[in-house]
Protein backbone atom coordinates (compact mmCIF):
# COMPACT_ATOMS: atom_id res chain seq x y z
CA MET A 1 34.72 34.76 58.98
CA THR A 2 31.36 35.57 60.39
CA PHE A 3 28.41 33.79 58.51
CA ARG A 4 25.53 36.29 57.68
CA PRO A 5 22.37 34.53 56.64
CA HIS A 6 20.66 37.76 55.29
CA LEU A 7 23.68 38.44 53.02
CA PHE A 8 23.71 34.79 51.90
CA ALA A 9 19.89 34.96 51.07
CA ARG A 10 20.48 38.25 49.17
CA LEU A 11 23.20 36.59 47.00
CA LEU A 12 20.85 33.61 46.34
CA PHE A 13 18.09 36.00 45.27
CA PHE A 14 20.36 38.02 42.97
CA TYR A 15 21.72 34.73 41.51
CA ALA A 16 18.24 33.47 40.84
CA LEU A 17 17.25 36.79 39.20
CA LEU A 18 20.37 36.64 37.05
CA VAL A 19 19.23 32.98 35.92
CA ILE A 20 15.92 34.16 35.05
CA LEU A 21 17.13 37.29 33.18
CA ALA A 22 19.53 35.03 31.26
CA SER A 23 16.77 32.58 30.40
CA ALA A 24 14.50 35.42 29.14
CA ALA A 25 17.29 36.92 27.08
CA ALA A 26 17.90 33.64 25.52
CA LYS A 27 14.43 33.56 24.05
CA PRO A 28 14.62 34.51 20.34
CA LYS A 29 12.43 37.27 19.00
CA LEU A 30 11.81 35.25 15.70
CA VAL A 31 12.00 31.55 15.00
CA LEU A 32 12.78 30.94 11.18
CA ALA A 33 11.61 27.29 10.84
CA ILE A 34 12.80 25.99 7.33
CA VAL A 35 12.01 22.80 5.37
CA VAL A 36 13.67 21.83 2.18
CA ASP A 37 11.35 19.61 0.28
CA GLN A 38 13.35 16.33 -0.62
CA PHE A 39 16.78 17.09 0.74
CA ARG A 40 18.58 13.93 1.86
CA TYR A 41 21.17 14.44 4.62
CA ASP A 42 24.07 13.30 2.30
CA TYR A 43 23.52 16.46 0.22
CA LEU A 44 25.04 18.35 3.09
CA LEU A 45 28.30 16.20 2.49
CA ARG A 46 28.31 15.65 -1.18
CA PHE A 47 28.12 19.44 -2.02
CA ARG A 48 29.76 20.83 1.14
CA ASP A 49 32.69 22.38 -0.73
CA GLN A 50 30.21 24.38 -2.85
CA TYR A 51 28.26 25.96 0.00
CA ASN A 52 29.39 29.33 1.09
CA ALA A 53 26.48 31.06 2.28
CA GLY A 54 23.30 29.92 4.49
CA LEU A 55 23.94 26.19 4.54
CA SER A 56 27.68 26.83 5.24
CA ARG A 57 26.82 29.14 8.09
CA LEU A 58 24.39 26.52 9.55
CA LEU A 59 27.06 23.84 9.34
CA ARG A 60 29.73 26.21 11.10
CA GLU A 61 27.55 27.97 13.64
CA GLY A 62 24.74 25.56 14.13
CA ALA A 63 24.10 22.29 16.34
CA VAL A 64 24.27 19.72 13.39
CA PHE A 65 22.64 16.28 14.04
CA THR A 66 24.21 13.91 11.78
CA ASP A 67 22.01 10.85 12.40
CA ALA A 68 18.36 12.43 12.44
CA HIS A 69 15.52 10.25 10.96
CA TYR A 70 11.80 10.00 10.45
CA ILE A 71 10.52 7.10 12.53
CA HIS A 72 7.26 6.53 10.57
CA ALA A 73 6.27 5.59 7.16
CA ALA A 74 5.29 7.03 4.73
CA THR A 75 8.06 9.56 4.19
CA VAL A 76 6.03 12.05 1.92
CA THR A 77 5.52 15.81 1.90
CA ALA A 78 2.33 16.11 4.03
CA VAL A 79 3.58 13.74 6.72
CA GLY A 80 6.96 15.30 7.03
CA HIS A 81 5.52 18.85 7.21
CA SER A 82 2.92 17.78 9.72
CA THR A 83 5.65 16.14 11.98
CA PHE A 84 7.90 19.07 11.89
CA LEU A 85 6.31 21.41 14.44
CA THR A 86 3.79 18.94 15.99
CA GLY A 87 6.35 16.18 16.87
CA ALA A 88 3.56 13.77 16.07
CA THR A 89 3.56 10.59 14.11
CA PRO A 90 0.70 10.00 11.63
CA SER A 91 -0.81 7.51 14.22
CA VAL A 92 -1.57 10.60 16.23
CA SER A 93 -1.68 13.44 13.86
CA GLY A 94 -3.99 11.66 11.49
CA ILE A 95 -1.98 12.96 8.46
CA ILE A 96 -1.09 9.61 6.86
CA ALA A 97 -0.18 10.52 3.38
CA ASN A 98 -0.50 13.48 0.88
CA GLU A 99 -3.98 12.15 0.06
CA TRP A 100 -5.97 9.17 0.87
CA TYR A 101 -9.42 7.54 0.31
CA ASP A 102 -12.16 8.87 2.53
CA ARG A 103 -14.71 6.19 3.11
CA ASP A 104 -17.19 8.52 4.39
CA ALA A 105 -16.95 10.96 1.47
CA GLY A 106 -16.60 8.13 -1.06
CA ALA A 107 -13.67 10.05 -2.60
CA THR A 108 -9.95 10.72 -2.40
CA VAL A 109 -9.20 13.71 -0.23
CA THR A 110 -5.88 15.67 0.37
CA SER A 111 -4.17 16.26 3.66
CA VAL A 112 -5.36 19.86 3.68
CA SER A 113 -8.55 19.87 1.43
CA ASP A 114 -11.47 21.59 2.97
CA ARG A 115 -14.78 21.96 1.08
CA GLY A 116 -15.88 24.48 3.83
CA VAL A 117 -13.37 27.29 2.78
CA LYS A 118 -12.58 29.03 -0.46
CA LEU A 119 -9.41 30.15 -2.10
CA ILE A 120 -8.31 33.78 -1.75
CA GLY A 121 -6.32 35.38 -4.49
CA GLY A 122 -6.98 32.76 -7.23
CA ILE A 123 -9.51 32.46 -10.05
CA GLY A 124 -13.13 32.31 -9.10
CA ALA A 125 -14.40 30.60 -5.93
CA ALA A 126 -12.12 27.61 -5.85
CA THR A 127 -12.00 25.21 -2.87
CA GLY A 128 -9.42 26.33 -0.47
CA ALA A 129 -7.24 24.57 2.19
CA SER A 130 -7.08 24.41 5.88
CA PRO A 131 -5.52 22.30 8.69
CA GLN A 132 -8.83 20.85 9.61
CA ARG A 133 -7.58 17.32 9.08
CA LEU A 134 -4.58 17.70 11.43
CA LEU A 135 -5.73 16.14 14.65
CA VAL A 136 -2.98 17.90 16.80
CA GLY A 137 -1.42 21.34 17.52
CA THR A 138 1.92 22.77 16.48
CA VAL A 139 4.49 24.75 18.43
CA GLY A 140 2.92 27.86 16.88
CA ASP A 141 -0.42 26.92 18.23
CA GLU A 142 1.01 26.63 21.70
CA LEU A 143 2.74 29.95 21.37
CA LYS A 144 -0.52 31.54 20.26
CA MET A 145 -2.47 30.00 23.07
CA ARG A 146 0.21 31.48 25.38
CA ASN A 147 0.64 34.87 23.91
CA GLY A 148 -2.25 35.46 21.75
CA SER A 149 -1.75 38.45 19.46
CA ASP A 150 1.64 39.22 21.09
CA SER A 151 3.00 36.43 18.79
CA LYS A 152 2.62 36.02 15.04
CA VAL A 153 2.81 32.83 13.13
CA PHE A 154 3.03 32.80 9.34
CA SER A 155 3.88 30.06 6.98
CA ILE A 156 4.94 30.03 3.28
CA SER A 157 5.61 27.39 0.56
CA LEU A 158 4.74 26.64 -3.10
CA LYS A 159 2.61 23.70 -2.02
CA ASP A 160 -0.59 24.16 -0.02
CA ARG A 161 0.13 21.34 2.40
CA SER A 162 3.64 22.60 3.03
CA ALA A 163 2.29 25.92 4.06
CA VAL A 164 -0.82 24.79 5.94
CA LEU A 165 0.52 21.95 8.14
CA PRO A 166 3.58 23.60 9.82
CA GLY A 167 1.60 26.77 10.48
CA GLY A 168 -1.03 24.79 12.67
CA HIS A 169 -4.51 25.74 13.55
CA MET A 170 -3.99 29.20 14.89
CA ALA A 171 -1.60 30.57 12.34
CA ASP A 172 -2.13 34.22 11.47
CA GLY A 173 -1.77 33.22 7.72
CA ALA A 174 -0.46 30.62 5.30
CA PHE A 175 0.31 31.37 1.69
CA TRP A 176 1.15 29.06 -1.22
CA PHE A 177 1.39 29.38 -4.99
CA ASP A 178 -1.73 28.73 -7.25
CA PRO A 179 -0.47 27.46 -10.83
CA ASP A 180 -3.95 28.20 -12.35
CA SER A 181 -3.66 31.92 -11.58
CA ASN A 182 0.07 32.23 -11.16
CA HIS A 183 -0.64 34.03 -7.85
CA TRP A 184 0.26 33.63 -4.12
CA VAL A 185 -2.92 32.56 -2.46
CA THR A 186 -4.46 31.73 0.83
CA SER A 187 -7.94 30.61 2.05
CA THR A 188 -10.87 32.01 3.94
CA TYR A 189 -9.82 29.71 6.79
CA TYR A 190 -7.26 32.41 7.62
CA MET A 191 -8.55 35.69 6.19
CA SER A 192 -11.10 37.42 3.89
CA SER A 193 -8.63 39.07 1.57
CA LEU A 194 -4.94 38.91 0.92
CA PRO A 195 -2.69 41.38 2.97
CA ALA A 196 -1.50 44.34 0.86
CA TRP A 197 2.11 43.12 0.64
CA VAL A 198 1.11 39.81 -0.94
CA GLN A 199 -1.32 41.51 -3.33
CA ALA A 200 1.54 43.84 -4.30
CA ILE A 201 3.62 40.84 -5.31
CA ASN A 202 0.77 39.41 -7.25
CA ASP A 203 0.14 42.69 -9.05
CA GLY A 204 3.85 42.60 -10.17
CA HIS A 205 3.20 39.21 -11.94
CA PRO A 206 6.45 37.64 -10.76
CA MET A 207 6.19 34.54 -13.01
CA GLN A 208 6.39 36.58 -16.04
CA ARG A 209 10.20 37.55 -15.36
CA TYR A 210 11.09 33.92 -16.03
CA LEU A 211 9.20 33.31 -19.24
CA GLY A 212 11.77 32.27 -22.03
CA ALA A 213 14.43 31.73 -19.30
CA LYS A 214 16.97 28.78 -19.42
CA TRP A 215 18.46 27.24 -16.40
CA PHE A 216 22.20 27.06 -16.69
CA PRO A 217 24.35 25.32 -13.97
CA LEU A 218 26.10 27.94 -11.83
CA GLY A 219 29.43 28.99 -13.42
CA ALA A 220 28.47 27.67 -16.79
CA ASN A 221 29.16 29.65 -20.06
CA ALA A 222 25.77 30.18 -21.51
CA GLU A 223 27.22 30.08 -24.96
CA SER A 224 28.75 26.60 -24.69
CA ALA A 225 26.93 24.83 -21.86
CA MET A 226 23.65 22.89 -22.34
CA PRO A 227 21.01 24.32 -20.09
CA LEU A 228 19.49 22.04 -17.49
CA CYS A 229 16.00 22.98 -18.55
CA SER A 230 14.12 25.73 -20.22
CA MET A 231 10.76 27.55 -19.43
CA VAL A 232 10.26 27.36 -23.25
CA ALA A 233 9.59 24.07 -24.83
CA GLY A 234 12.32 23.02 -27.41
CA THR A 235 13.88 20.13 -29.13
CA GLU A 236 17.37 20.98 -27.83
CA VAL A 237 16.70 21.20 -24.13
CA ARG A 238 14.33 19.61 -21.73
CA PHE A 239 11.17 21.72 -20.79
CA CYS A 240 10.59 22.64 -16.99
CA ALA A 241 7.60 23.91 -15.39
CA LEU A 242 8.26 26.71 -13.04
CA GLU A 243 7.85 24.52 -9.98
CA ALA A 244 10.79 22.43 -11.09
CA THR A 245 13.40 25.25 -11.43
CA PRO A 246 15.40 27.18 -8.88
CA TRP A 247 13.19 30.19 -9.82
CA ALA A 248 10.44 28.79 -7.75
CA ASN A 249 12.50 28.79 -4.81
CA GLU A 250 13.60 32.44 -5.44
CA LEU A 251 9.91 33.27 -5.48
CA ILE A 252 9.34 31.52 -2.10
CA GLU A 253 12.35 33.41 -0.49
CA GLU A 254 11.10 36.69 -1.93
CA LEU A 255 7.69 36.26 -0.23
CA ALA A 256 9.32 35.37 2.83
CA GLU A 257 11.28 38.59 2.94
CA HIS A 258 8.14 40.55 2.31
CA ALA A 259 6.30 38.62 5.06
CA LEU A 260 9.24 39.63 7.52
CA ILE A 261 8.62 43.28 6.62
CA GLY A 262 4.94 43.37 5.99
CA GLU A 263 4.02 41.66 9.27
CA HIS A 264 6.76 43.12 11.41
CA LEU A 265 8.02 39.83 12.43
CA GLY A 266 10.60 39.74 15.12
CA GLN A 267 9.31 43.04 16.56
CA HIS A 268 6.35 41.93 18.73
CA SER A 269 6.47 41.61 22.43
CA GLY A 270 6.15 37.57 22.02
CA THR A 271 8.26 35.50 19.79
CA ASP A 272 7.11 35.23 16.11
CA ILE A 273 7.33 32.16 13.88
CA LEU A 274 7.87 32.09 10.14
CA THR A 275 8.03 28.65 8.49
CA VAL A 276 9.24 28.46 5.02
CA SER A 277 9.30 25.32 2.88
CA PHE A 278 11.34 25.33 -0.30
CA SER A 279 9.37 23.12 -2.70
CA ALA A 280 11.40 23.29 -5.84
CA ASN A 281 14.01 20.73 -4.83
CA ASP A 282 11.33 18.21 -4.61
CA TYR A 283 10.00 18.75 -8.15
CA VAL A 284 13.52 18.69 -9.52
CA GLY A 285 14.47 15.68 -7.68
CA HIS A 286 11.34 13.68 -8.80
CA GLY A 287 12.21 14.53 -12.44
CA VAL A 288 15.87 13.68 -12.48
CA GLY A 289 16.88 11.63 -9.28
CA PRO A 290 19.45 12.44 -6.67
CA ASP A 291 22.54 11.78 -8.86
CA ASP A 292 21.77 14.20 -11.57
CA PRO A 293 23.65 17.36 -11.95
CA ALA A 294 20.48 19.47 -11.53
CA VAL A 295 20.23 18.36 -7.92
CA ARG A 296 23.63 19.48 -7.21
CA ASP A 297 23.00 22.84 -8.78
CA ILE A 298 19.65 23.50 -6.91
CA SER A 299 21.36 22.59 -3.62
CA ILE A 300 23.97 25.23 -4.15
CA ARG A 301 21.39 27.71 -5.19
CA THR A 302 19.39 26.79 -2.00
CA ASP A 303 22.48 27.62 0.08
CA ARG A 304 22.61 31.05 -1.44
CA LEU A 305 18.93 31.69 -0.82
CA PHE A 306 19.33 30.59 2.79
CA GLY A 307 22.10 33.33 3.14
CA LYS A 308 19.62 36.02 1.79
CA LEU A 309 16.85 34.80 4.11
CA PHE A 310 19.11 34.85 7.08
CA ASP A 311 20.28 38.22 6.44
CA ALA A 312 16.65 39.56 5.97
CA ALA A 313 15.66 37.92 9.29
CA GLU A 314 18.49 39.58 11.22
CA ARG A 315 17.50 42.84 9.66
CA ALA A 316 13.90 42.33 10.97
CA ALA A 317 14.47 41.04 14.37
CA GLY A 318 17.99 42.41 15.17
CA ALA A 319 21.42 40.68 15.20
CA GLY A 320 21.32 37.71 17.47
CA ASN A 321 17.56 37.47 17.88
CA THR A 322 16.68 34.90 15.37
CA LEU A 323 16.65 31.10 16.04
CA VAL A 324 16.79 28.93 12.87
CA VAL A 325 15.79 25.39 12.67
CA MET A 326 16.23 23.46 9.44
CA THR A 327 15.21 20.00 8.26
CA ALA A 328 13.79 18.29 5.31
CA ASP A 329 10.43 16.45 4.81
CA HIS A 330 11.92 13.40 3.42
CA GLY A 331 14.69 12.04 1.17
CA VAL A 332 14.39 10.18 -2.14
CA ALA A 333 15.38 6.87 -3.72
CA PRO A 334 17.91 6.54 -6.68
CA VAL A 335 16.61 6.23 -10.18
CA PRO A 336 16.20 2.49 -10.46
CA GLU A 337 17.87 2.49 -13.90
CA VAL A 338 20.79 4.35 -12.47
CA ASN A 339 21.05 1.78 -9.74
CA GLN A 340 20.88 -1.11 -12.25
CA ALA A 341 23.71 0.46 -14.35
CA ARG A 342 25.92 0.45 -11.27
CA LYS A 343 25.00 -3.06 -10.43
CA MET A 344 22.93 -2.06 -7.40
CA PRO A 345 19.34 -3.53 -6.77
CA GLY A 346 16.30 -1.71 -7.95
CA GLY A 347 13.42 -1.65 -10.39
CA ARG A 348 9.89 -0.58 -11.15
CA LEU A 349 6.72 -2.24 -10.00
CA SER A 350 3.30 -1.96 -11.74
CA ASP A 351 0.18 -0.39 -10.12
CA PRO A 352 -2.18 -2.02 -12.56
CA LEU A 353 -0.60 -5.42 -12.14
CA PHE A 354 -0.83 -5.11 -8.29
CA VAL A 355 -4.65 -4.31 -8.64
CA GLN A 356 -5.23 -6.98 -11.13
CA THR A 357 -3.32 -9.67 -8.99
CA ILE A 358 -5.29 -8.85 -5.80
CA ASN A 359 -8.78 -8.69 -7.59
CA GLU A 360 -8.20 -11.94 -9.42
CA ALA A 361 -7.19 -13.84 -6.12
CA LEU A 362 -10.21 -12.37 -4.26
CA ARG A 363 -12.52 -13.27 -7.08
CA GLN A 364 -11.37 -16.83 -7.17
CA LYS A 365 -11.64 -17.16 -3.29
CA PHE A 366 -14.80 -15.06 -2.68
CA GLY A 367 -16.63 -14.69 -6.05
CA PRO A 368 -16.97 -11.89 -8.64
CA GLY A 369 -16.71 -8.12 -7.91
CA ASP A 370 -14.30 -5.13 -7.83
CA TRP A 371 -12.60 -5.84 -4.56
CA LEU A 372 -10.36 -2.75 -4.45
CA MET A 373 -11.45 0.90 -4.18
CA ARG A 374 -9.39 3.77 -5.76
CA GLY A 375 -6.05 4.54 -4.37
CA PRO A 376 -2.37 3.70 -4.93
CA ALA A 377 -1.26 0.12 -4.53
CA PHE A 378 0.74 0.77 -1.60
CA MET A 379 -2.38 1.83 0.39
CA ALA A 380 -5.11 -0.61 -0.66
CA TYR A 381 -8.71 -0.04 0.41
CA LEU A 382 -11.07 -2.91 0.22
CA ASN A 383 -14.48 -2.60 -1.04
CA LEU A 384 -16.40 -2.96 2.29
CA LYS A 385 -19.80 -2.73 0.73
CA LEU A 386 -18.97 -5.89 -1.38
CA ILE A 387 -17.71 -7.70 1.76
CA GLN A 388 -20.84 -6.90 3.58
CA GLU A 389 -23.15 -7.92 0.82
CA LYS A 390 -21.53 -11.28 0.58
CA GLY A 391 -21.60 -11.77 4.26
CA LEU A 392 -17.84 -12.17 4.58
CA ASP A 393 -15.52 -11.60 7.53
CA ARG A 394 -13.43 -8.51 6.81
CA THR A 395 -10.25 -9.90 8.43
CA ALA A 396 -10.44 -13.00 6.24
CA VAL A 397 -10.70 -10.85 3.16
CA GLU A 398 -7.74 -8.76 4.38
CA ARG A 399 -5.62 -12.00 4.93
CA ALA A 400 -6.39 -13.38 1.54
CA ALA A 401 -5.51 -10.06 -0.16
CA ALA A 402 -2.26 -9.83 1.80
CA GLU A 403 -1.32 -13.28 0.74
CA ALA A 404 -1.83 -12.34 -2.84
CA ALA A 405 0.19 -9.16 -2.59
CA SER A 406 2.97 -10.93 -0.70
CA ALA A 407 3.48 -13.29 -3.86
CA ILE A 408 4.18 -10.30 -6.17
CA PRO A 409 7.85 -10.13 -6.95
CA HIS A 410 9.91 -7.56 -5.05
CA ILE A 411 7.24 -6.96 -2.35
CA ALA A 412 9.06 -7.11 1.01
CA ARG A 413 6.05 -7.05 3.38
CA VAL A 414 2.33 -6.54 3.57
CA TYR A 415 0.63 -5.43 6.69
CA THR A 416 -3.21 -5.69 7.27
CA ARG A 417 -5.46 -3.44 9.05
CA THR A 418 -6.19 -6.01 11.62
CA GLN A 419 -2.57 -6.70 12.29
CA LEU A 420 -1.67 -3.13 12.73
CA LEU A 421 -4.61 -2.22 15.01
CA ASN A 422 -3.94 -5.20 17.17
CA GLY A 423 -0.23 -4.59 17.17
CA ASN A 424 0.33 -8.07 15.88
CA VAL A 425 3.44 -7.35 13.77
CA GLN A 426 6.99 -8.40 14.20
CA GLN A 427 9.13 -6.13 16.51
CA ASP A 428 11.75 -4.27 14.45
CA PRO A 429 12.24 -0.73 13.24
CA ILE A 430 10.48 -1.24 9.90
CA SER A 431 7.37 -2.67 11.41
CA ARG A 432 7.46 0.09 14.08
CA ALA A 433 7.63 2.67 11.39
CA ILE A 434 4.69 1.10 9.59
CA SER A 435 2.70 1.05 12.91
CA LEU A 436 3.59 4.68 13.67
CA GLY A 437 2.44 5.72 10.29
CA TYR A 438 -1.00 3.99 10.70
CA TYR A 439 -4.25 5.78 11.86
CA GLY A 440 -7.15 3.38 11.86
CA PRO A 441 -10.16 5.70 10.88
CA ARG A 442 -8.06 6.83 7.71
CA SER A 443 -5.53 4.26 6.83
CA ALA A 444 -5.99 1.52 4.21
CA ASP A 445 -6.73 -2.28 4.68
CA LEU A 446 -3.31 -3.20 3.17
CA ILE A 447 -0.06 -1.44 3.71
CA VAL A 448 2.44 -2.73 1.05
CA LEU A 449 6.22 -2.13 1.33
CA PRO A 450 8.46 -2.96 -1.65
CA GLU A 451 12.12 -4.08 -1.36
CA PRO A 452 14.59 -1.41 -1.09
CA TYR A 453 15.27 0.53 -4.31
CA TYR A 454 12.03 -0.74 -6.01
CA LEU A 455 9.42 1.81 -6.81
CA TYR A 456 5.89 1.81 -7.80
CA ALA A 457 5.88 2.99 -11.59
CA THR A 458 5.28 6.70 -11.85
CA ASN A 459 5.66 9.41 -14.27
CA ASP A 460 8.67 10.61 -12.44
CA ALA A 461 12.13 9.35 -12.60
CA THR A 462 12.06 8.39 -8.85
CA THR A 463 10.01 8.90 -5.71
CA HIS A 464 10.15 8.46 -1.91
CA GLY A 465 7.79 7.21 0.75
CA THR A 466 9.33 4.22 2.45
CA PRO A 467 10.99 3.75 5.89
CA TYR A 468 14.40 3.01 4.29
CA ASP A 469 17.24 5.22 5.19
CA TYR A 470 17.53 6.88 1.82
CA ASP A 471 13.96 8.22 2.40
CA ASN A 472 14.11 8.94 6.21
CA HIS A 473 17.50 10.33 6.84
CA VAL A 474 17.55 14.07 6.72
CA PRO A 475 19.36 17.23 8.21
CA VAL A 476 18.30 18.67 11.41
CA ILE A 477 20.12 21.77 12.45
CA PHE A 478 19.54 24.38 14.98
CA MET A 479 21.30 27.82 14.99
CA GLY A 480 20.93 30.80 17.22
CA PRO A 481 20.38 32.17 20.72
CA GLY A 482 20.73 29.37 23.32
CA VAL A 483 22.15 26.71 20.98
CA LYS A 484 25.52 25.23 21.53
CA ALA A 485 27.15 24.89 17.96
CA GLY A 486 28.79 21.54 17.26
CA THR A 487 28.33 18.20 15.71
CA TYR A 488 26.01 15.85 17.43
CA ARG A 489 26.21 12.18 16.33
CA ASP A 490 23.72 10.45 18.47
CA ARG A 491 20.65 9.15 16.66
CA ILE A 492 17.59 11.40 17.07
CA ALA A 493 14.16 11.79 15.46
CA VAL A 494 12.74 14.67 13.57
CA ASN A 495 9.94 14.52 16.22
CA ASP A 496 12.47 15.88 18.59
CA ILE A 497 12.23 19.26 16.94
CA ALA A 498 8.80 20.31 18.20
CA PRO A 499 9.38 19.58 22.00
CA THR A 500 12.86 21.18 21.81
CA LEU A 501 11.53 24.33 20.35
CA ALA A 502 8.81 24.42 22.79
CA GLU A 503 11.33 24.13 25.64
CA ILE A 504 13.36 26.98 24.17
CA LEU A 505 10.10 29.26 23.78
CA GLY A 506 8.84 28.19 27.29
CA VAL A 507 5.52 26.81 26.00
CA GLU A 508 3.83 23.50 26.54
CA HIS A 509 4.86 20.81 24.22
CA PRO A 510 2.37 20.15 21.42
CA ALA A 511 -0.16 17.53 22.55
CA GLY A 512 0.81 14.76 19.96
CA ALA A 513 4.64 15.36 20.38
CA MET A 514 6.52 11.96 20.56
CA GLY A 515 9.84 13.37 20.47
CA ASN A 516 12.60 14.27 23.25
CA VAL A 517 14.06 17.63 24.10
CA LEU A 518 17.66 17.82 22.69
CA ARG A 519 19.12 19.07 25.81
CA GLU A 520 22.64 18.40 24.85
CA MET A 521 22.51 21.36 22.38
CA LEU A 522 20.99 23.84 24.86
CA GLU A 523 23.16 26.46 26.60
């Protein structure tokens, strides 16, 4: 057979062209990026036989990562949502907590508070929210820098931080629920007035449809079963605020469907992104803990809402054109009293006792004064003005405070600012998580970690925020074009989501991303 170089070159050309076309075809028209607030990985397993809609579809058709974890502390809403599409840890993103003490302002600030913008859609001229405290960009930002107006990025949640942070700096809009007005709102950072489709929902007063409603478990007979809670206070049943009911998630899903239609998502020349964070699971979980029947019920209802949202996304973008990525922002600890009843460790710690213990120790060593500023016990800020007035060495005061805190029962570890900035901590996963959660200009002088299953006393049944597995082990699932369905058991980080999405979309990885591309699941 005669070798024909020109024919061989042609074949190579057409092969390369096919590869390029296949790659282009694999790019989704729409990315549906979903976070369920406070959804432990084990909820996928415990309630699997009850899932028959969206979660079931993800588990059947998606790339399911069974060993996905957050690599930072603290595992709280703002940090998880900022990590989701930036891939950054707090040490880089600057989002260290839901809120923290700002030394320059002399006050506590939230992760998205911004006195320079106003609320749109609420009552009066209230202060709005923006991503100005987020120091890095998101996948959406990279997409917007590449495609401009050819790609749209919108973000929705009940909580402002859960809408603002995943959307990034260049989002076309972020919307959250304002309990003062019972309206969906945004801020002047994004726009000067609400889009017509959001205003139409507000004009319909969606909250009113739930007044007087009672939340019965799915399949329960309303005549014989006790409601899980009621929107009306009564002696026979626990009262729930709207946020702590499945109806709040229904409102979120409804708004997401309207966003798909109102903003023509999935129909632009570039890929669009819609991030949706379901917040009600968190409010319910805080109130009752992970072992309560209400958590089972809202998880099953979340599965059904996922199914509705997936169908709406496919109607908007066309069948096979939507890439779904789903995770959670954190897990949650068991209720201490529940743990104690089953002979497991656990208990509650006292914030006032912690503050009193530290203050007394520092007064004995360095003299009178209020040595701690405002803030939670696990993030203790020292009074730098007092330290300066007394001519003391800040590191010495930190060390004395840490010694006092370490002596409190059920405190596992105490880290000082100087230790963390100098990298002078023991090398193990817990210390690494604390270090990755520390950003010097914002973080506290002491980071205090309780023993597993011990919580600082709160008004809630339970909480989260530690680097322990019950707080950091969450689902990560991809489903859609270019994704190989299956179960993947290697340990990964939630930080891997952002660079993987960037790889699929053909854009630069976000600047702060610390994760790896999950190549094993890519077609």
